[in-house]
Amino acid sequence: MAFLSEIVALESNGREIHIILDNLSTHKTQRVREFLAVHPNVHLHFTPTYSSWLNQVENWFAKIERDVIARGVFTSVRDLARKLMRYIRHHNRAAKPIKWAYRDLSHRILPTFGAAVTGH
């Protein structure tokens, strides 16, 4: 709710705002529905179910899990945190944008005109 309020406050009055989200249940609460009713220029679009590959943060988490957690030996939570931060700092020194494409149009995210929340 804080994010939605901040986005609306930063944009010009009446400007259309489109936000792409995953299907987490907290994105579909009564408070969110009430917010959308008051702000008809805000449109939420949900990624299809079971399509975590569309969510770039999921790709980042999977990379961390493969490169650090699955192969790691950790003596404590503090040791795990230290090794994760070392990996992140190393990655950020030479970070590159993720470039990907998909060819299967059945996985395309389509806007749903006239509805603030898609049915995915």
PDB file of N, CA and C in Angstrom:
ATOM      1  N   MET A   1       0.823  -1.185   0.000  1.00  0.00           N
ATOM      2  CA  MET A   1       0.000   0.000   0.000  1.00  0.00           C
ATOM      3  C   MET A   1       0.872   1.255   0.000  1.00  0.00           C
ATOM      4  N   ALA A   2       1.970   1.213   0.752  1.00  0.00           N
ATOM      5  CA  ALA A   2       2.874   2.366   0.783  1.00  0.00           C
ATOM      6  C   ALA A   2       3.465   2.617  -0.602  1.00  0.00           C
ATOM      7  N   PHE A   3       3.826   1.541  -1.299  1.00  0.00           N
ATOM      8  CA  PHE A   3       4.382   1.669  -2.643  1.00  0.00           C
ATOM      9  C   PHE A   3       3.362   2.292  -3.593  1.00  0.00           C
ATOM     10  N   LEU A   4       2.154   1.786  -3.569  1.00  0.00           N
ATOM     11  CA  LEU A   4       1.117   2.328  -4.444  1.00  0.00           C
ATOM     12  C   LEU A   4       0.877   3.805  -4.161  1.00  0.00           C
ATOM     13  N   SER A   5       0.786   4.161  -2.894  1.00  0.00           N
ATOM     14  CA  SER A   5       0.568   5.558  -2.512  1.00  0.00           C
ATOM     15  C   SER A   5       1.713   6.440  -2.985  1.00  0.00           C
ATOM     16  N   GLU A   6       2.933   5.952  -2.854  1.00  0.00           N
ATOM     17  CA  GLU A   6       4.094   6.723  -3.285  1.00  0.00           C
ATOM     18  C   GLU A   6       4.097   6.932  -4.796  1.00  0.00           C
ATOM     19  N   ILE A   7       3.803   5.887  -5.542  1.00  0.00           N
ATOM     20  CA  ILE A   7       3.772   5.988  -7.005  1.00  0.00           C
ATOM     21  C   ILE A   7       2.725   7.008  -7.442  1.00  0.00           C
ATOM     22  N   VAL A   8       1.540   6.948  -6.863  1.00  0.00           N
ATOM     23  CA  VAL A   8       0.471   7.882  -7.222  1.00  0.00           C
ATOM     24  C   VAL A   8       0.885   9.312  -6.879  1.00  0.00           C
ATOM     25  N   ALA A   9       1.519   9.496  -5.736  1.00  0.00           N
ATOM     26  CA  ALA A   9       1.943  10.836  -5.319  1.00  0.00           C
ATOM     27  C   ALA A   9       3.006  11.412  -6.251  1.00  0.00           C
ATOM     28  N   LEU A  10       3.839  10.562  -6.833  1.00  0.00           N
ATOM     29  CA  LEU A  10       4.921  11.022  -7.700  1.00  0.00           C
ATOM     30  C   LEU A  10       4.472  11.333  -9.122  1.00  0.00           C
ATOM     31  N   GLU A  11       3.340  10.823  -9.534  1.00  0.00           N
ATOM     32  CA  GLU A  11       2.877  10.991 -10.912  1.00  0.00           C
ATOM     33  C   GLU A  11       1.907  12.154 -11.039  1.00  0.00           C
ATOM     34  N   SER A  12       1.812  12.655 -12.248  1.00  0.00           N
ATOM     35  CA  SER A  12       0.864  13.727 -12.543  1.00  0.00           C
ATOM     36  C   SER A  12      -0.557  13.233 -12.348  1.00  0.00           C
ATOM     37  N   ASN A  13      -1.427  14.134 -11.958  1.00  0.00           N
ATOM     38  CA  ASN A  13      -2.840  13.759 -11.789  1.00  0.00           C
ATOM     39  C   ASN A  13      -3.409  13.213 -13.081  1.00  0.00           C
ATOM     40  N   GLY A  14      -4.066  12.094 -12.982  1.00  0.00           N
ATOM     41  CA  GLY A  14      -4.731  11.510 -14.125  1.00  0.00           C
ATOM     42  C   GLY A  14      -3.856  10.673 -15.033  1.00  0.00           C
ATOM     43  N   ARG A  15      -2.562  10.707 -14.839  1.00  0.00           N
ATOM     44  CA  ARG A  15      -1.675   9.918 -15.704  1.00  0.00           C
ATOM     45  C   ARG A  15      -1.890   8.429 -15.444  1.00  0.00           C
ATOM     46  N   GLU A  16      -1.967   7.651 -16.515  1.00  0.00           N
ATOM     47  CA  GLU A  16      -2.160   6.208 -16.391  1.00  0.00           C
ATOM     48  C   GLU A  16      -0.909   5.572 -15.794  1.00  0.00           C
ATOM     49  N   ILE A  17      -1.108   4.699 -14.825  1.00  0.00           N
ATOM     50  CA  ILE A  17      -0.012   3.987 -14.169  1.00  0.00           C
ATOM     51  C   ILE A  17      -0.286   2.499 -14.309  1.00  0.00           C
ATOM     52  N   HIS A  18       0.659   1.781 -14.897  1.00  0.00           N
ATOM     53  CA  HIS A  18       0.537   0.332 -15.071  1.00  0.00           C
ATOM     54  C   HIS A  18       1.655  -0.331 -14.283  1.00  0.00           C
ATOM     55  N   ILE A  19       1.288  -1.280 -13.434  1.00  0.00           N
ATOM     56  CA  ILE A  19       2.249  -1.982 -12.590  1.00  0.00           C
ATOM     57  C   ILE A  19       2.114  -3.475 -12.853  1.00  0.00           C
ATOM     58  N   ILE A  20       3.249  -4.124 -13.106  1.00  0.00           N
ATOM     59  CA  ILE A  20       3.260  -5.572 -13.326  1.00  0.00           C
ATOM     60  C   ILE A  20       3.690  -6.242 -12.029  1.00  0.00           C
ATOM     61  N   LEU A  21       2.906  -7.212 -11.584  1.00  0.00           N
ATOM     62  CA  LEU A  21       3.133  -7.899 -10.313  1.00  0.00           C
ATOM     63  C   LEU A  21       3.066  -9.403 -10.501  1.00  0.00           C
ATOM     64  N   ASP A  22       3.619 -10.122  -9.532  1.00  0.00           N
ATOM     65  CA  ASP A  22       3.393 -11.564  -9.523  1.00  0.00           C
ATOM     66  C   ASP A  22       2.052 -11.817  -8.844  1.00  0.00           C
ATOM     67  N   ASN A  23       1.701 -13.065  -8.662  1.00  0.00           N
ATOM     68  CA  ASN A  23       0.388 -13.428  -8.130  1.00  0.00           C
ATOM     69  C   ASN A  23       0.330 -13.571  -6.616  1.00  0.00           C
ATOM     70  N   LEU A  24       1.238 -12.933  -5.912  1.00  0.00           N
ATOM     71  CA  LEU A  24       1.238 -13.008  -4.450  1.00  0.00           C
ATOM     72  C   LEU A  24      -0.105 -12.519  -3.910  1.00  0.00           C
ATOM     73  N   SER A  25      -0.663 -13.240  -2.974  1.00  0.00           N
ATOM     74  CA  SER A  25      -2.008 -12.915  -2.483  1.00  0.00           C
ATOM     75  C   SER A  25      -2.084 -11.518  -1.863  1.00  0.00           C
ATOM     76  N   THR A  26      -0.998 -10.983  -1.322  1.00  0.00           N
ATOM     77  CA  THR A  26      -1.040  -9.645  -0.724  1.00  0.00           C
ATOM     78  C   THR A  26      -1.275  -8.560  -1.767  1.00  0.00           C
ATOM     79  N   HIS A  27      -1.097  -8.879  -3.040  1.00  0.00           N
ATOM     80  CA  HIS A  27      -1.348  -7.906  -4.100  1.00  0.00           C
ATOM     81  C   HIS A  27      -2.831  -7.822  -4.452  1.00  0.00           C
ATOM     82  N   LYS A  28      -3.651  -8.676  -3.833  1.00  0.00           N
ATOM     83  CA  LYS A  28      -5.067  -8.759  -4.204  1.00  0.00           C
ATOM     84  C   LYS A  28      -5.991  -8.594  -2.997  1.00  0.00           C
ATOM     85  N   THR A  29      -5.541  -7.920  -1.977  1.00  0.00           N
ATOM     86  CA  THR A  29      -6.333  -7.771  -0.760  1.00  0.00           C
ATOM     87  C   THR A  29      -7.464  -6.772  -0.945  1.00  0.00           C
ATOM     88  N   GLN A  30      -8.350  -6.738   0.018  1.00  0.00           N
ATOM     89  CA  GLN A  30      -9.453  -5.772   0.006  1.00  0.00           C
ATOM     90  C   GLN A  30      -8.903  -4.342   0.016  1.00  0.00           C
ATOM     91  N   ARG A  31      -7.852  -4.081   0.766  1.00  0.00           N
ATOM     92  CA  ARG A  31      -7.260  -2.736   0.804  1.00  0.00           C
ATOM     93  C   ARG A  31      -6.751  -2.325  -0.575  1.00  0.00           C
ATOM     94  N   VAL A  32      -6.159  -3.259  -1.300  1.00  0.00           N
ATOM     95  CA  VAL A  32      -5.681  -2.954  -2.655  1.00  0.00           C
ATOM     96  C   VAL A  32      -6.871  -2.661  -3.563  1.00  0.00           C
ATOM     97  N   ARG A  33      -7.913  -3.463  -3.476  1.00  0.00           N
ATOM     98  CA  ARG A  33      -9.112  -3.234  -4.303  1.00  0.00           C
ATOM     99  C   ARG A  33      -9.722  -1.865  -3.994  1.00  0.00           C
ATOM    100  N   GLU A  34      -9.765  -1.503  -2.723  1.00  0.00           N
ATOM    101  CA  GLU A  34     -10.299  -0.193  -2.346  1.00  0.00           C
ATOM    102  C   GLU A  34      -9.418   0.937  -2.889  1.00  0.00           C
ATOM    103  N   PHE A  35      -8.118   0.765  -2.822  1.00  0.00           N
ATOM    104  CA  PHE A  35      -7.184   1.759  -3.351  1.00  0.00           C
ATOM    105  C   PHE A  35      -7.414   1.943  -4.851  1.00  0.00           C
ATOM    106  N   LEU A  36      -7.552   0.834  -5.573  1.00  0.00           N
ATOM    107  CA  LEU A  36      -7.756   0.894  -7.021  1.00  0.00           C
ATOM    108  C   LEU A  36      -9.080   1.566  -7.370  1.00  0.00           C
ATOM    109  N   ALA A  37     -10.100   1.382  -6.537  1.00  0.00           N
ATOM    110  CA  ALA A  37     -11.391   2.028  -6.785  1.00  0.00           C
ATOM    111  C   ALA A  37     -11.274   3.544  -6.666  1.00  0.00           C
ATOM    112  N   VAL A  38     -10.431   4.007  -5.749  1.00  0.00           N
ATOM    113  CA  VAL A  38     -10.222   5.448  -5.549  1.00  0.00           C
ATOM    114  C   VAL A  38      -9.273   6.017  -6.601  1.00  0.00           C
ATOM    115  N   HIS A  39      -8.412   5.178  -7.164  1.00  0.00           N
ATOM    116  CA  HIS A  39      -7.416   5.609  -8.148  1.00  0.00           C
ATOM    117  C   HIS A  39      -7.623   4.814  -9.450  1.00  0.00           C
ATOM    118  N   PRO A  40      -8.635   5.181 -10.243  1.00  0.00           N
ATOM    119  CA  PRO A  40      -8.937   4.413 -11.461  1.00  0.00           C
ATOM    120  C   PRO A  40      -7.852   4.496 -12.536  1.00  0.00           C
ATOM    121  N   ASN A  41      -6.885   5.373 -12.367  1.00  0.00           N
ATOM    122  CA  ASN A  41      -5.786   5.480 -13.338  1.00  0.00           C
ATOM    123  C   ASN A  41      -4.668   4.473 -13.050  1.00  0.00           C
ATOM    124  N   VAL A  42      -4.774   3.739 -11.947  1.00  0.00           N
ATOM    125  CA  VAL A  42      -3.776   2.731 -11.592  1.00  0.00           C
ATOM    126  C   VAL A  42      -4.293   1.367 -12.048  1.00  0.00           C
ATOM    127  N   HIS A  43      -3.464   0.673 -12.808  1.00  0.00           N
ATOM    128  CA  HIS A  43      -3.847  -0.635 -13.357  1.00  0.00           C
ATOM    129  C   HIS A  43      -2.800  -1.668 -12.963  1.00  0.00           C
ATOM    130  N   LEU A  44      -3.242  -2.755 -12.378  1.00  0.00           N
ATOM    131  CA  LEU A  44      -2.345  -3.842 -12.010  1.00  0.00           C
ATOM    132  C   LEU A  44      -2.469  -4.951 -13.045  1.00  0.00           C
ATOM    133  N   HIS A  45      -1.324  -5.480 -13.454  1.00  0.00           N
ATOM    134  CA  HIS A  45      -1.268  -6.595 -14.392  1.00  0.00           C
ATOM    135  C   HIS A  45      -0.439  -7.684 -13.740  1.00  0.00           C
ATOM    136  N   PHE A  46      -0.994  -8.875 -13.636  1.00  0.00           N
ATOM    137  CA  PHE A  46      -0.313  -9.978 -12.962  1.00  0.00           C
ATOM    138  C   PHE A  46       0.347 -10.895 -13.980  1.00  0.00           C
ATOM    139  N   THR A  47       1.563 -11.318 -13.650  1.00  0.00           N
ATOM    140  CA  THR A  47       2.229 -12.297 -14.502  1.00  0.00           C
ATOM    141  C   THR A  47       1.446 -13.607 -14.422  1.00  0.00           C
ATOM    142  N   PRO A  48       1.505 -14.410 -15.461  1.00  0.00           N
ATOM    143  CA  PRO A  48       0.792 -15.692 -15.424  1.00  0.00           C
ATOM    144  C   PRO A  48       1.308 -16.581 -14.283  1.00  0.00           C
ATOM    145  N   THR A  49       0.424 -17.382 -13.753  1.00  0.00           N
ATOM    146  CA  THR A  49       0.800 -18.333 -12.709  1.00  0.00           C
ATOM    147  C   THR A  49       1.889 -19.264 -13.236  1.00  0.00           C
ATOM    148  N   TYR A  50       2.826 -19.604 -12.383  1.00  0.00           N
ATOM    149  CA  TYR A  50       3.941 -20.497 -12.702  1.00  0.00           C
ATOM    150  C   TYR A  50       4.847 -19.930 -13.800  1.00  0.00           C
ATOM    151  N   SER A  51       5.085 -18.646 -13.743  1.00  0.00           N
ATOM    152  CA  SER A  51       5.990 -18.024 -14.718  1.00  0.00           C
ATOM    153  C   SER A  51       7.028 -17.169 -14.000  1.00  0.00           C
ATOM    154  N   SER A  52       7.672 -17.752 -13.010  1.00  0.00           N
ATOM    155  CA  SER A  52       8.646 -17.002 -12.218  1.00  0.00           C
ATOM    156  C   SER A  52       9.795 -16.474 -13.067  1.00  0.00           C
ATOM    157  N   TRP A  53      10.036 -17.086 -14.221  1.00  0.00           N
ATOM    158  CA  TRP A  53      11.105 -16.628 -15.104  1.00  0.00           C
ATOM    159  C   TRP A  53      10.834 -15.229 -15.639  1.00  0.00           C
ATOM    160  N   LEU A  54       9.585 -14.747 -15.574  1.00  0.00           N
ATOM    161  CA  LEU A  54       9.280 -13.383 -15.995  1.00  0.00           C
ATOM    162  C   LEU A  54       9.654 -12.355 -14.929  1.00  0.00           C
ATOM    163  N   ASN A  55       9.799 -12.793 -13.699  1.00  0.00           N
ATOM    164  CA  ASN A  55      10.105 -11.903 -12.587  1.00  0.00           C
ATOM    165  C   ASN A  55      11.621 -11.876 -12.392  1.00  0.00           C
ATOM    166  N   GLN A  56      12.248 -10.768 -12.734  1.00  0.00           N
ATOM    167  CA  GLN A  56      13.705 -10.696 -12.724  1.00  0.00           C
ATOM    168  C   GLN A  56      14.311 -10.919 -11.340  1.00  0.00           C
ATOM    169  N   VAL A  57      13.626 -10.530 -10.289  1.00  0.00           N
ATOM    170  CA  VAL A  57      14.181 -10.781  -8.953  1.00  0.00           C
ATOM    171  C   VAL A  57      14.220 -12.282  -8.669  1.00  0.00           C
ATOM    172  N   GLU A  58      13.288 -13.033  -9.231  1.00  0.00           N
ATOM    173  CA  GLU A  58      13.322 -14.495  -9.069  1.00  0.00           C
ATOM    174  C   GLU A  58      14.561 -15.069  -9.745  1.00  0.00           C
ATOM    175  N   ASN A  59      14.933 -14.523 -10.901  1.00  0.00           N
ATOM    176  CA  ASN A  59      16.158 -14.965 -11.580  1.00  0.00           C
ATOM    177  C   ASN A  59      17.380 -14.673 -10.717  1.00  0.00           C
ATOM    178  N   TRP A  60      17.415 -13.505 -10.095  1.00  0.00           N
ATOM    179  CA  TRP A  60      18.531 -13.125  -9.215  1.00  0.00           C
ATOM    180  C   TRP A  60      18.605 -14.066  -8.008  1.00  0.00           C
ATOM    181  N   PHE A  61      17.464 -14.340  -7.381  1.00  0.00           N
ATOM    182  CA  PHE A  61      17.448 -15.253  -6.235  1.00  0.00           C
ATOM    183  C   PHE A  61      17.916 -16.648  -6.649  1.00  0.00           C
ATOM    184  N   ALA A  62      17.503 -17.109  -7.823  1.00  0.00           N
ATOM    185  CA  ALA A  62      17.920 -18.433  -8.301  1.00  0.00           C
ATOM    186  C   ALA A  62      19.432 -18.470  -8.518  1.00  0.00           C
ATOM    187  N   LYS A  63      19.993 -17.389  -9.050  1.00  0.00           N
ATOM    188  CA  LYS A  63      21.443 -17.314  -9.264  1.00  0.00           C
ATOM    189  C   LYS A  63      22.184 -17.363  -7.928  1.00  0.00           C
ATOM    190  N   ILE A  64      21.719 -16.609  -6.954  1.00  0.00           N
ATOM    191  CA  ILE A  64      22.345 -16.629  -5.621  1.00  0.00           C
ATOM    192  C   ILE A  64      22.251 -18.027  -5.020  1.00  0.00           C
ATOM    193  N   GLU A  65      21.093 -18.650  -5.168  1.00  0.00           N
ATOM    194  CA  GLU A  65      20.920 -20.004  -4.610  1.00  0.00           C
ATOM    195  C   GLU A  65      21.889 -20.977  -5.268  1.00  0.00           C
ATOM    196  N   ARG A  66      22.020 -20.926  -6.597  1.00  0.00           N
ATOM    197  CA  ARG A  66      22.924 -21.838  -7.329  1.00  0.00           C
ATOM    198  C   ARG A  66      24.383 -21.558  -6.989  1.00  0.00           C
ATOM    199  N   ASP A  67      24.774 -20.282  -7.020  1.00  0.00           N
ATOM    200  CA  ASP A  67      26.183 -19.921  -6.907  1.00  0.00           C
ATOM    201  C   ASP A  67      26.705 -19.870  -5.472  1.00  0.00           C
ATOM    202  N   VAL A  68      25.835 -19.595  -4.521  1.00  0.00           N
ATOM    203  CA  VAL A  68      26.306 -19.407  -3.141  1.00  0.00           C
ATOM    204  C   VAL A  68      25.727 -20.450  -2.197  1.00  0.00           C
ATOM    205  N   ILE A  69      24.437 -20.516  -2.112  1.00  0.00           N
ATOM    206  CA  ILE A  69      23.798 -21.317  -1.064  1.00  0.00           C
ATOM    207  C   ILE A  69      23.959 -22.812  -1.307  1.00  0.00           C
ATOM    208  N   ALA A  70      23.659 -23.278  -2.515  1.00  0.00           N
ATOM    209  CA  ALA A  70      23.707 -24.716  -2.792  1.00  0.00           C
ATOM    210  C   ALA A  70      25.111 -25.291  -2.665  1.00  0.00           C
ATOM    211  N   ARG A  71      26.125 -24.501  -2.943  1.00  0.00           N
ATOM    212  CA  ARG A  71      27.507 -24.989  -2.918  1.00  0.00           C
ATOM    213  C   ARG A  71      28.250 -24.577  -1.654  1.00  0.00           C
ATOM    214  N   GLY A  72      27.566 -23.887  -0.770  1.00  0.00           N
ATOM    215  CA  GLY A  72      28.254 -23.303   0.377  1.00  0.00           C
ATOM    216  C   GLY A  72      28.278 -24.169   1.610  1.00  0.00           C
ATOM    217  N   VAL A  73      29.243 -23.856   2.436  1.00  0.00           N
ATOM    218  CA  VAL A  73      29.340 -24.419   3.775  1.00  0.00           C
ATOM    219  C   VAL A  73      29.347 -23.219   4.705  1.00  0.00           C
ATOM    220  N   PHE A  74      28.421 -23.183   5.632  1.00  0.00           N
ATOM    221  CA  PHE A  74      28.261 -22.025   6.494  1.00  0.00           C
ATOM    222  C   PHE A  74      28.312 -22.463   7.950  1.00  0.00           C
ATOM    223  N   THR A  75      29.117 -21.775   8.712  1.00  0.00           N
ATOM    224  CA  THR A  75      29.281 -22.129  10.124  1.00  0.00           C
ATOM    225  C   THR A  75      28.263 -21.434  11.010  1.00  0.00           C
ATOM    226  N   SER A  76      27.588 -20.398  10.467  1.00  0.00           N
ATOM    227  CA  SER A  76      26.594 -19.657  11.237  1.00  0.00           C
ATOM    228  C   SER A  76      25.773 -18.798  10.287  1.00  0.00           C
ATOM    229  N   VAL A  77      24.718 -18.220  10.796  1.00  0.00           N
ATOM    230  CA  VAL A  77      23.914 -17.291   9.995  1.00  0.00           C
ATOM    231  C   VAL A  77      24.774 -16.082   9.620  1.00  0.00           C
ATOM    232  N   ARG A  78      25.611 -15.652  10.550  1.00  0.00           N
ATOM    233  CA  ARG A  78      26.505 -14.524  10.268  1.00  0.00           C
ATOM    234  C   ARG A  78      27.478 -14.858   9.128  1.00  0.00           C
ATOM    235  N   ASP A  79      27.988 -16.073   9.123  1.00  0.00           N
ATOM    236  CA  ASP A  79      28.892 -16.522   8.054  1.00  0.00           C
ATOM    237  C   ASP A  79      28.147 -16.538   6.714  1.00  0.00           C
ATOM    238  N   LEU A  80      26.923 -17.034   6.705  1.00  0.00           N
ATOM    239  CA  LEU A  80      26.105 -17.033   5.496  1.00  0.00           C
ATOM    240  C   LEU A  80      25.905 -15.602   5.000  1.00  0.00           C
ATOM    241  N   ALA A  81      25.534 -14.691   5.882  1.00  0.00           N
ATOM    242  CA  ALA A  81      25.306 -13.289   5.498  1.00  0.00           C
ATOM    243  C   ALA A  81      26.577 -12.670   4.935  1.00  0.00           C
ATOM    244  N   ARG A  82      27.720 -12.964   5.549  1.00  0.00           N
ATOM    245  CA  ARG A  82      28.991 -12.414   5.073  1.00  0.00           C
ATOM    246  C   ARG A  82      29.316 -12.919   3.671  1.00  0.00           C
ATOM    247  N   LYS A  83      29.109 -14.205   3.427  1.00  0.00           N
ATOM    248  CA  LYS A  83      29.400 -14.779   2.119  1.00  0.00           C
ATOM    249  C   LYS A  83      28.414 -14.289   1.055  1.00  0.00           C
ATOM    250  N   LEU A  84      27.163 -14.116   1.427  1.00  0.00           N
ATOM    251  CA  LEU A  84      26.194 -13.561   0.488  1.00  0.00           C
ATOM    252  C   LEU A  84      26.577 -12.135   0.096  1.00  0.00           C
ATOM    253  N   MET A  85      26.942 -11.319   1.071  1.00  0.00           N
ATOM    254  CA  MET A  85      27.309  -9.933   0.779  1.00  0.00           C
ATOM    255  C   MET A  85      28.584  -9.867  -0.060  1.00  0.00           C
ATOM    256  N   ARG A  86      29.520 -10.756   0.195  1.00  0.00           N
ATOM    257  CA  ARG A  86      30.744 -10.793  -0.619  1.00  0.00           C
ATOM    258  C   ARG A  86      30.383 -11.121  -2.077  1.00  0.00           C
ATOM    259  N   TYR A  87      29.498 -12.085  -2.277  1.00  0.00           N
ATOM    260  CA  TYR A  87      29.054 -12.450  -3.621  1.00  0.00           C
ATOM    261  C   TYR A  87      28.345 -11.268  -4.307  1.00  0.00           C
ATOM    262  N   ILE A  88      27.466 -10.612  -3.592  1.00  0.00           N
ATOM    263  CA  ILE A  88      26.722  -9.482  -4.153  1.00  0.00           C
ATOM    264  C   ILE A  88      27.674  -8.344  -4.524  1.00  0.00           C
ATOM    265  N   ARG A  89      28.618  -8.024  -3.656  1.00  0.00           N
ATOM    266  CA  ARG A  89      29.596  -6.964  -3.971  1.00  0.00           C
ATOM    267  C   ARG A  89      30.413  -7.333  -5.205  1.00  0.00           C
ATOM    268  N   HIS A  90      30.851  -8.586  -5.281  1.00  0.00           N
ATOM    269  CA  HIS A  90      31.613  -9.050  -6.447  1.00  0.00           C
ATOM    270  C   HIS A  90      30.769  -8.952  -7.717  1.00  0.00           C
ATOM    271  N   HIS A  91      29.532  -9.390  -7.635  1.00  0.00           N
ATOM    272  CA  HIS A  91      28.634  -9.331  -8.790  1.00  0.00           C
ATOM    273  C   HIS A  91      28.408  -7.886  -9.235  1.00  0.00           C
ATOM    274  N   ASN A  92      28.195  -6.989  -8.294  1.00  0.00           N
ATOM    275  CA  ASN A  92      27.890  -5.596  -8.627  1.00  0.00           C
ATOM    276  C   ASN A  92      29.054  -4.861  -9.284  1.00  0.00           C
ATOM    277  N   ARG A  93      30.272  -5.313  -9.067  1.00  0.00           N
ATOM    278  CA  ARG A  93      31.428  -4.656  -9.704  1.00  0.00           C
ATOM    279  C   ARG A  93      31.400  -4.816 -11.226  1.00  0.00           C
ATOM    280  N   ALA A  94      30.808  -5.885 -11.717  1.00  0.00           N
ATOM    281  CA  ALA A  94      30.760  -6.117 -13.165  1.00  0.00           C
ATOM    282  C   ALA A  94      29.336  -6.469 -13.618  1.00  0.00           C
ATOM    283  N   ALA A  95      28.351  -5.904 -12.944  1.00  0.00           N
ATOM    284  CA  ALA A  95      26.956  -6.239 -13.256  1.00  0.00           C
ATOM    285  C   ALA A  95      26.587  -5.818 -14.675  1.00  0.00           C
ATOM    286  N   LYS A  96      25.783  -6.644 -15.314  1.00  0.00           N
ATOM    287  CA  LYS A  96      25.291  -6.371 -16.656  1.00  0.00           C
ATOM    288  C   LYS A  96      23.782  -6.584 -16.649  1.00  0.00           C
ATOM    289  N   PRO A  97      23.074  -5.850 -17.491  1.00  0.00           N
ATOM    290  CA  PRO A  97      21.620  -6.062 -17.549  1.00  0.00           C
ATOM    291  C   PRO A  97      21.292  -7.471 -18.019  1.00  0.00           C
ATOM    292  N   ILE A  98      20.206  -7.985 -17.531  1.00  0.00           N
ATOM    293  CA  ILE A  98      19.720  -9.284 -17.996  1.00  0.00           C
ATOM    294  C   ILE A  98      18.976  -9.034 -19.297  1.00  0.00           C
ATOM    295  N   LYS A  99      19.367  -9.738 -20.341  1.00  0.00           N
ATOM    296  CA  LYS A  99      18.680  -9.632 -21.629  1.00  0.00           C
ATOM    297  C   LYS A  99      18.085 -10.997 -21.941  1.00  0.00           C
ATOM    298  N   TRP A 100      16.808 -11.011 -22.129  1.00  0.00           N
ATOM    299  CA  TRP A 100      16.158 -12.263 -22.450  1.00  0.00           C
ATOM    300  C   TRP A 100      14.978 -11.985 -23.358  1.00  0.00           C
ATOM    301  N   ALA A 101      14.532 -13.016 -24.001  1.00  0.00           N
ATOM    302  CA  ALA A 101      13.365 -12.926 -24.870  1.00  0.00           C
ATOM    303  C   ALA A 101      12.630 -14.247 -24.795  1.00  0.00           C
ATOM    304  N   TYR A 102      11.364 -14.209 -25.086  1.00  0.00           N
ATOM    305  CA  TYR A 102      10.613 -15.456 -25.176  1.00  0.00           C
ATOM    306  C   TYR A 102       9.858 -15.466 -26.474  1.00  0.00           C
ATOM    307  N   ARG A 103       9.641 -16.619 -26.985  1.00  0.00           N
ATOM    308  CA  ARG A 103       9.004 -16.757 -28.287  1.00  0.00           C
ATOM    309  C   ARG A 103       7.576 -17.311 -28.192  1.00  0.00           C
ATOM    310  N   ASP A 104       7.244 -17.895 -27.061  1.00  0.00           N
ATOM    311  CA  ASP A 104       5.922 -18.498 -26.891  1.00  0.00           C
ATOM    312  C   ASP A 104       4.908 -17.412 -26.520  1.00  0.00           C
ATOM    313  N   LEU A 105       4.112 -16.963 -27.470  1.00  0.00           N
ATOM    314  CA  LEU A 105       3.183 -15.860 -27.244  1.00  0.00           C
ATOM    315  C   LEU A 105       2.068 -16.204 -26.269  1.00  0.00           C
ATOM    316  N   SER A 106       1.880 -17.481 -25.957  1.00  0.00           N
ATOM    317  CA  SER A 106       0.840 -17.835 -24.989  1.00  0.00           C
ATOM    318  C   SER A 106       1.211 -17.375 -23.583  1.00  0.00           C
ATOM    319  N   HIS A 107       2.483 -17.041 -23.353  1.00  0.00           N
ATOM    320  CA  HIS A 107       2.928 -16.547 -22.046  1.00  0.00           C
ATOM    321  C   HIS A 107       2.986 -15.025 -21.978  1.00  0.00           C
ATOM    322  N   ARG A 108       2.493 -14.370 -22.993  1.00  0.00           N
ATOM    323  CA  ARG A 108       2.541 -12.918 -23.044  1.00  0.00           C
ATOM    324  C   ARG A 108       1.651 -12.295 -21.984  1.00  0.00           C
ATOM    325  N   ILE A 109       2.089 -11.189 -21.400  1.00  0.00           N
ATOM    326  CA  ILE A 109       1.271 -10.444 -20.438  1.00  0.00           C
ATOM    327  C   ILE A 109       0.482  -9.427 -21.237  1.00  0.00           C
ATOM    328  N   LEU A 110      -0.814  -9.536 -21.207  1.00  0.00           N
ATOM    329  CA  LEU A 110      -1.668  -8.642 -21.975  1.00  0.00           C
ATOM    330  C   LEU A 110      -2.441  -7.727 -21.039  1.00  0.00           C
ATOM    331  N   PRO A 111      -2.597  -6.462 -21.408  1.00  0.00           N
ATOM    332  CA  PRO A 111      -3.398  -5.569 -20.560  1.00  0.00           C
ATOM    333  C   PRO A 111      -4.860  -5.968 -20.623  1.00  0.00           C
ATOM    334  N   THR A 112      -5.553  -5.755 -19.532  1.00  0.00           N
ATOM    335  CA  THR A 112      -6.978  -6.038 -19.513  1.00  0.00           C
ATOM    336  C   THR A 112      -7.691  -4.698 -19.360  1.00  0.00           C
ATOM    337  N   PHE A 113      -8.204  -4.202 -20.434  1.00  0.00           N
ATOM    338  CA  PHE A 113      -8.872  -2.907 -20.431  1.00  0.00           C
ATOM    339  C   PHE A 113     -10.215  -3.019 -19.745  1.00  0.00           C
ATOM    340  N   GLY A 114     -10.503  -2.033 -18.907  1.00  0.00           N
ATOM    341  CA  GLY A 114     -11.781  -2.023 -18.205  1.00  0.00           C
ATOM    342  C   GLY A 114     -11.733  -2.748 -16.882  1.00  0.00           C
ATOM    343  N   ALA A 115     -10.621  -3.377 -16.548  1.00  0.00           N
ATOM    344  CA  ALA A 115     -10.478  -4.060 -15.266  1.00  0.00           C
ATOM    345  C   ALA A 115      -9.148  -3.676 -14.653  1.00  0.00           C
ATOM    346  N   ALA A 116      -9.156  -3.347 -13.381  1.00  0.00           N
ATOM    347  CA  ALA A 116      -7.932  -2.915 -12.723  1.00  0.00           C
ATOM    348  C   ALA A 116      -7.052  -4.094 -12.342  1.00  0.00           C
ATOM    349  N   VAL A 117      -7.661  -5.258 -12.151  1.00  0.00           N
ATOM    350  CA  VAL A 117      -6.897  -6.437 -11.753  1.00  0.00           C
ATOM    351  C   VAL A 117      -7.223  -7.551 -12.726  1.00  0.00           C
ATOM    352  N   THR A 118      -6.188  -8.152 -13.307  1.00  0.00           N
ATOM    353  CA  THR A 118      -6.419  -9.231 -14.261  1.00  0.00           C
ATOM    354  C   THR A 118      -6.839 -10.501 -13.529  1.00  0.00           C
ATOM    355  N   GLY A 119      -7.336 -11.434 -14.249  1.00  0.00           N
ATOM    356  CA  GLY A 119      -7.830 -12.662 -13.654  1.00  0.00           C
ATOM    357  C   GLY A 119      -6.804 -13.761 -13.542  1.00  0.00           C
ATOM    358  N   HIS A 120      -5.524 -13.492 -13.756  1.00  0.00           N
ATOM    359  CA  HIS A 120      -4.509 -14.548 -13.687  1.00  0.00           C
ATOM    360  C   HIS A 120      -4.354 -15.041 -12.283  1.00  0.00           C
TER     361      HIS A 120
END
